[in-house]
C-alpha atoms as a PDB file:
ATOM      1  CA  MET A   1    -111.956 -29.788  58.096  1.00  0.00           C
ATOM      2  CA  LYS A   2    -109.672 -31.500  55.868  1.00  0.00           C
ATOM      3  CA  LEU A   3    -107.836 -33.958  58.026  1.00  0.00           C
ATOM      4  CA  LEU A   4    -106.415 -35.978  55.258  1.00  0.00           C
ATOM      5  CA  SER A   5    -104.220 -33.083  54.068  1.00  0.00           C
ATOM      6  CA  LEU A   6    -103.446 -31.736  57.407  1.00  0.00           C
ATOM      7  CA  GLU A   7     -99.728 -30.961  58.396  1.00  0.00           C
ATOM      8  CA  ILE A   8     -98.708 -29.923  61.852  1.00  0.00           C
ATOM      9  CA  SER A   9     -95.139 -28.619  62.363  1.00  0.00           C
ATOM     10  CA  THR A  10     -93.285 -27.947  65.394  1.00  0.00           C
ATOM     11  CA  GLU A  11     -89.664 -26.984  65.906  1.00  0.00           C
ATOM     12  CA  ARG A  12     -88.354 -30.495  65.283  1.00  0.00           C
ATOM     13  CA  LEU A  13     -91.292 -32.555  64.040  1.00  0.00           C
ATOM     14  CA  LEU A  14     -93.682 -32.828  61.233  1.00  0.00           C
ATOM     15  CA  LEU A  15     -96.977 -34.747  61.946  1.00  0.00           C
ATOM     16  CA  GLN A  16     -99.030 -35.935  58.761  1.00  0.00           C
ATOM     17  CA  PRO A  17    -101.979 -38.226  58.542  1.00  0.00           C
ATOM     18  CA  ILE A  18    -101.072 -41.883  58.716  1.00  0.00           C
ATOM     19  CA  SER A  19    -100.217 -43.247  55.164  1.00  0.00           C
ATOM     20  CA  ILE A  20     -99.662 -46.628  53.689  1.00  0.00           C
ATOM     21  CA  LYS A  21     -96.190 -45.543  52.685  1.00  0.00           C
ATOM     22  CA  TYR A  22     -95.298 -45.965  56.295  1.00  0.00           C
ATOM     23  CA  LYS A  23     -96.469 -49.580  56.636  1.00  0.00           C
ATOM     24  CA  GLU A  24     -93.034 -51.139  56.685  1.00  0.00           C
ATOM     25  CA  ASN A  25     -91.871 -48.644  59.372  1.00  0.00           C
ATOM     26  CA  ILE A  26     -94.901 -49.229  61.526  1.00  0.00           C
ATOM     27  CA  PHE A  27     -94.663 -52.915  61.131  1.00  0.00           C
ATOM     28  CA  ARG A  28     -91.038 -53.153  62.086  1.00  0.00           C
ATOM     29  CA  GLU A  29     -91.036 -50.540  65.045  1.00  0.00           C
ATOM     30  CA  PHE A  30     -94.488 -51.380  66.601  1.00  0.00           C
ATOM     31  CA  THR A  31     -92.864 -54.203  68.589  1.00  0.00           C
ATOM     32  CA  GLU A  32     -93.603 -56.216  71.807  1.00  0.00           C
ATOM     33  CA  GLU A  33     -91.343 -53.932  73.768  1.00  0.00           C
ATOM     34  CA  ILE A  34     -93.087 -50.885  72.517  1.00  0.00           C
ATOM     35  CA  THR A  35     -96.555 -52.136  73.154  1.00  0.00           C
ATOM     36  CA  THR A  36     -95.689 -53.236  76.766  1.00  0.00           C
ATOM     37  CA  TYR A  37     -97.958 -50.498  78.335  1.00  0.00           C
ATOM     38  CA  MET A  38    -100.415 -50.148  75.433  1.00  0.00           C
ATOM     39  CA  HIS A  39    -103.725 -51.747  74.681  1.00  0.00           C
ATOM     40  CA  PRO A  40    -102.921 -52.949  71.065  1.00  0.00           C
ATOM     41  CA  ARG A  41    -100.529 -55.837  70.436  1.00  0.00           C
ATOM     42  CA  PRO A  42     -97.672 -55.978  67.813  1.00  0.00           C
ATOM     43  CA  PRO A  43     -98.906 -57.030  64.371  1.00  0.00           C
ATOM     44  CA  GLN A  44     -98.118 -60.625  63.451  1.00  0.00           C
ATOM     45  CA  SER A  45     -97.952 -59.687  59.750  1.00  0.00           C
ATOM     46  CA  ILE A  46     -97.724 -56.825  57.533  1.00  0.00           C
ATOM     47  CA  SER A  47    -101.282 -57.322  56.349  1.00  0.00           C
ATOM     48  CA  GLU A  48    -102.310 -56.487  60.038  1.00  0.00           C
ATOM     49  CA  THR A  49    -100.440 -53.300  59.873  1.00  0.00           C
ATOM     50  CA  GLN A  50    -101.903 -52.430  56.413  1.00  0.00           C
ATOM     51  CA  LEU A  51    -105.455 -53.077  58.047  1.00  0.00           C
ATOM     52  CA  PHE A  52    -104.683 -50.706  60.846  1.00  0.00           C
ATOM     53  CA  ILE A  53    -103.616 -48.080  58.188  1.00  0.00           C
ATOM     54  CA  ASN A  54    -106.781 -48.591  56.252  1.00  0.00           C
ATOM     55  CA  GLU A  55    -108.928 -48.363  59.281  1.00  0.00           C
ATOM     56  CA  SER A  56    -107.250 -45.364  60.625  1.00  0.00           C
ATOM     57  CA  LEU A  57    -107.615 -43.508  56.902  1.00  0.00           C
ATOM     58  CA  LEU A  58    -111.393 -44.388  57.185  1.00  0.00           C
ATOM     59  CA  LYS A  59    -111.669 -42.968  60.561  1.00  0.00           C
ATOM     60  CA  ILE A  60    -109.862 -39.896  59.483  1.00  0.00           C
ATOM     61  CA  GLN A  61    -111.942 -39.391  56.473  1.00  0.00           C
ATOM     62  CA  ASN A  62    -115.137 -39.781  58.419  1.00  0.00           C
ATOM     63  CA  GLY A  63    -113.929 -37.127  60.789  1.00  0.00           C
ATOM     64  CA  ASP A  64    -113.859 -39.531  63.730  1.00  0.00           C
ATOM     65  CA  ASP A  65    -110.221 -39.603  64.550  1.00  0.00           C
ATOM     66  CA  LEU A  66    -106.908 -37.928  63.692  1.00  0.00           C
ATOM     67  CA  ILE A  67    -104.128 -40.563  63.359  1.00  0.00           C
ATOM     68  CA  VAL A  68    -100.585 -39.229  62.406  1.00  0.00           C
ATOM     69  CA  VAL A  69     -97.166 -40.309  61.767  1.00  0.00           C
ATOM     70  CA  ILE A  70     -94.466 -38.451  63.405  1.00  0.00           C
ATOM     71  CA  LEU A  71     -91.607 -37.385  61.293  1.00  0.00           C
ATOM     72  CA  ASN A  72     -88.260 -35.729  61.933  1.00  0.00           C
ATOM     73  CA  LYS A  73     -88.853 -32.339  60.378  1.00  0.00           C
ATOM     74  CA  ASP A  74     -85.458 -32.037  58.708  1.00  0.00           C
ATOM     75  CA  SER A  75     -84.554 -35.793  57.654  1.00  0.00           C
ATOM     76  CA  GLN A  76     -88.104 -36.948  57.315  1.00  0.00           C
ATOM     77  CA  GLU A  77     -87.188 -40.063  59.504  1.00  0.00           C
ATOM     78  CA  PHE A  78     -90.145 -41.983  60.792  1.00  0.00           C
ATOM     79  CA  LEU A  79     -90.307 -41.666  64.617  1.00  0.00           C
ATOM     80  CA  GLY A  80     -93.678 -43.066  65.563  1.00  0.00           C
ATOM     81  CA  CYS A  81     -97.536 -42.663  65.534  1.00  0.00           C
ATOM     82  CA  SER A  82     -99.881 -40.382  67.557  1.00  0.00           C
ATOM     83  CA  GLY A  83    -103.496 -39.344  67.447  1.00  0.00           C
ATOM     84  CA  ILE A  84    -106.610 -38.153  68.886  1.00  0.00           C
ATOM     85  CA  HIS A  85    -109.608 -40.605  68.941  1.00  0.00           C
ATOM     86  CA  LYS A  86    -113.244 -39.497  69.080  1.00  0.00           C
ATOM     87  CA  ILE A  87    -112.430 -35.817  67.980  1.00  0.00           C
ATOM     88  CA  ASN A  88    -116.241 -35.074  67.835  1.00  0.00           C
ATOM     89  CA  SER A  89    -116.783 -35.873  71.562  1.00  0.00           C
ATOM     90  CA  LYS A  90    -116.493 -33.604  74.608  1.00  0.00           C
ATOM     91  CA  TYR A  91    -113.700 -36.037  75.844  1.00  0.00           C
ATOM     92  CA  PRO A  92    -111.449 -36.977  72.898  1.00  0.00           C
ATOM     93  CA  GLU A  93    -108.479 -39.392  73.757  1.00  0.00           C
ATOM     94  CA  ALA A  94    -104.843 -38.741  72.698  1.00  0.00           C
ATOM     95  CA  GLY A  95    -102.096 -41.238  72.501  1.00  0.00           C
ATOM     96  CA  ILE A  96     -98.770 -41.829  71.256  1.00  0.00           C
ATOM     97  CA  TRP A  97     -95.989 -44.356  70.594  1.00  0.00           C
ATOM     98  CA  LEU A  98     -92.586 -43.712  69.377  1.00  0.00           C
ATOM     99  CA  LYS A  99     -89.963 -46.231  68.041  1.00  0.00           C
ATOM    100  CA  LYS A 100     -87.150 -47.350  70.639  1.00  0.00           C
ATOM    101  CA  LEU A 101     -84.460 -45.321  69.025  1.00  0.00           C
ATOM    102  CA  ALA A 102     -86.540 -42.055  69.178  1.00  0.00           C
ATOM    103  CA  HIS A 103     -87.063 -42.586  72.984  1.00  0.00           C
ATOM    104  CA  GLY A 104     -85.493 -39.934  75.398  1.00  0.00           C
ATOM    105  CA  ASN A 105     -85.758 -36.936  73.000  1.00  0.00           C
ATOM    106  CA  SER A 106     -88.872 -35.373  74.220  1.00  0.00           C
ATOM    107  CA  TYR A 107     -90.654 -36.041  70.932  1.00  0.00           C
ATOM    108  CA  GLY A 108     -93.705 -37.377  73.006  1.00  0.00           C
ATOM    109  CA  ILE A 109     -94.350 -34.073  74.688  1.00  0.00           C
ATOM    110  CA  GLU A 110     -93.574 -31.971  71.585  1.00  0.00           C
ATOM    111  CA  THR A 111     -96.198 -34.079  69.742  1.00  0.00           C
ATOM    112  CA  ILE A 112     -98.989 -34.202  72.313  1.00  0.00           C
ATOM    113  CA  ALA A 113     -98.575 -30.406  72.887  1.00  0.00           C
ATOM    114  CA  ALA A 114     -98.799 -29.773  69.019  1.00  0.00           C
ATOM    115  CA  LEU A 115    -101.925 -32.123  69.005  1.00  0.00           C
ATOM    116  CA  LYS A 116    -103.452 -30.208  71.973  1.00  0.00           C
ATOM    117  CA  ASP A 117    -102.759 -26.848  70.174  1.00  0.00           C
ATOM    118  CA  TRP A 118    -104.410 -28.127  67.035  1.00  0.00           C
ATOM    119  CA  ALA A 119    -107.436 -29.466  69.057  1.00  0.00           C
ATOM    120  CA  LYS A 120    -107.752 -26.115  70.939  1.00  0.00           C
ATOM    121  CA  SER A 121    -108.073 -24.397  67.599  1.00  0.00           C
ATOM    122  CA  ASN A 122    -110.188 -27.007  65.724  1.00  0.00           C
ATOM    123  CA  LEU A 123    -112.381 -28.914  67.963  1.00  0.00           C
ATOM    124  CA  ASP A 124    -115.090 -28.192  70.647  1.00  0.00           C
ATOM    125  CA  TYR A 125    -113.985 -30.213  73.726  1.00  0.00           C
ATOM    126  CA  GLU A 126    -113.676 -30.037  77.447  1.00  0.00           C
ATOM    127  CA  TYR A 127    -110.822 -32.277  78.124  1.00  0.00           C
ATOM    128  CA  LEU A 128    -108.488 -34.491  76.354  1.00  0.00           C
ATOM    129  CA  LEU A 129    -108.171 -37.794  77.882  1.00  0.00           C
ATOM    130  CA  TYR A 130    -104.731 -39.400  78.218  1.00  0.00           C
ATOM    131  CA  PRO A 131    -104.723 -42.972  79.568  1.00  0.00           C
ATOM    132  CA  VAL A 132    -101.454 -44.263  80.555  1.00  0.00           C
ATOM    133  CA  ASP A 133    -100.105 -47.302  82.425  1.00  0.00           C
ATOM    134  CA  ARG A 134     -99.263 -46.334  85.984  1.00  0.00           C
ATOM    135  CA  ALA A 135     -95.886 -48.007  85.676  1.00  0.00           C
ATOM    136  CA  ASN A 136     -94.989 -45.994  82.370  1.00  0.00           C
ATOM    137  CA  THR A 137     -93.323 -43.136  84.060  1.00  0.00           C
ATOM    138  CA  ALA A 138     -91.899 -41.734  80.998  1.00  0.00           C
ATOM    139  CA  SER A 139     -95.285 -41.442  79.302  1.00  0.00           C
ATOM    140  CA  ARG A 140     -96.900 -40.054  82.445  1.00  0.00           C
ATOM    141  CA  LYS A 141     -94.794 -36.859  82.188  1.00  0.00           C
ATOM    142  CA  ILE A 142     -96.364 -35.883  78.991  1.00  0.00           C
ATOM    143  CA  PRO A 143     -99.902 -35.104  80.425  1.00  0.00           C
ATOM    144  CA  GLU A 144     -98.467 -33.849  83.747  1.00  0.00           C
ATOM    145  CA  ARG A 145     -96.230 -31.270  81.835  1.00  0.00           C
ATOM    146  CA  LEU A 146     -99.404 -30.065  79.913  1.00  0.00           C
ATOM    147  CA  GLY A 147    -101.402 -29.619  83.280  1.00  0.00           C
ATOM    148  CA  GLY A 148    -103.273 -32.791  83.083  1.00  0.00           C
ATOM    149  CA  GLN A 149    -104.875 -34.106  86.249  1.00  0.00           C
ATOM    150  CA  ILE A 150    -105.561 -37.771  87.188  1.00  0.00           C
ATOM    151  CA  PHE A 151    -109.300 -38.270  86.768  1.00  0.00           C
ATOM    152  CA  ARG A 152    -109.600 -41.983  87.381  1.00  0.00           C
ATOM    153  CA  GLU A 153    -107.879 -45.151  87.804  1.00  0.00           C
ATOM    154  CA  TYR A 154    -108.724 -48.549  86.294  1.00  0.00           C
ATOM    155  CA  GLU A 155    -107.498 -51.921  84.987  1.00  0.00           C
ATOM    156  CA  GLN A 156    -107.814 -53.119  81.457  1.00  0.00           C
ATOM    157  CA  THR A 157    -106.449 -56.306  79.891  1.00  0.00           C
ATOM    158  CA  ASN A 158    -104.562 -55.604  76.572  1.00  0.00           C
ATOM    159  CA  LEU A 159    -104.718 -57.514  73.398  1.00  0.00           C
ATOM    160  CA  SER A 160    -101.446 -59.385  74.481  1.00  0.00           C
ATOM    161  CA  GLY A 161    -103.384 -60.577  77.631  1.00  0.00           C
ATOM    162  CA  LYS A 162    -101.523 -58.353  80.064  1.00  0.00           C
ATOM    163  CA  VAL A 163    -103.343 -56.430  82.786  1.00  0.00           C
ATOM    164  CA  LEU A 164    -102.497 -52.704  82.534  1.00  0.00           C
ATOM    165  CA  HIS A 165    -103.000 -50.557  85.625  1.00  0.00           C
ATOM    166  CA  LEU A 166    -104.279 -47.288  83.875  1.00  0.00           C
ATOM    167  CA  VAL A 167    -104.437 -43.785  85.190  1.00  0.00           C
ATOM    168  CA  GLU A 168    -106.393 -41.517  83.016  1.00  0.00           C
ATOM    169  CA  TYR A 169    -105.409 -37.864  82.889  1.00  0.00           C
ATOM    170  CA  ARG A 170    -107.672 -35.089  81.791  1.00  0.00           C
ATOM    171  CA  ILE A 171    -106.060 -32.308  80.002  1.00  0.00           C
ATOM    172  CA  ALA A 172    -108.204 -29.290  80.019  1.00  0.00           C
ATOM    173  CA  SER A 173    -109.060 -27.245  76.948  1.00  0.00           C
ATOM    174  CA  ALA A 174    -108.165 -23.511  77.549  1.00  0.00           C
ATOM    175  CA  ARG A 175    -111.866 -22.846  77.664  1.00  0.00           C
ATOM    176  CA  VAL A 176    -112.579 -25.255  80.549  1.00  0.00           C
ATOM    177  CA  LYS A 177    -109.358 -23.811  82.466  1.00  0.00           C
ATOM    178  CA  GLU A 178    -110.637 -20.189  82.132  1.00  0.00           C
ATOM    179  CA  SER A 179    -114.064 -21.151  83.321  1.00  0.00           C
ATOM    180  CA  ILE A 180    -112.357 -22.621  86.591  1.00  0.00           C
ATOM    181  CA  TYR A 181    -110.900 -19.278  87.726  1.00  0.00           C
END
């Protein structure tokens, strides 16, 4: 599987492996407001963003994660980042963040649905995990629209020191769904 050359196309979006050419966009858009309900904190310097990108590229190259940038298909505008972590496990974890100006356009559901379709065709998994803060109602709609069910709830302190109240959804692979019926 050549993850570094992967492209996933949807009606409006293009998902491509993260690249150093988006470091300015990521640094500028991954703000304190965007990370309110997330484990990471915003980068303090562009070098932190570059380190994140380099680590992500290594994980992609090793076949551990798939981390993508989300682009507007027509304009190539940077919209955010998404990915699937631990892709070789039975329970890979999906996540996403979108820049503030991209909120409210259903890009999140379109992105995660595309990644779920890719996973269904390329990975051997039982469930995609999708942890999200209980108060983040917009992000909770994503796994719910994809048939996700809450599996567990727990608290976690994020890297900014804030306690998150997470609900973890399980989004079943087609194989698991078929075996239930």
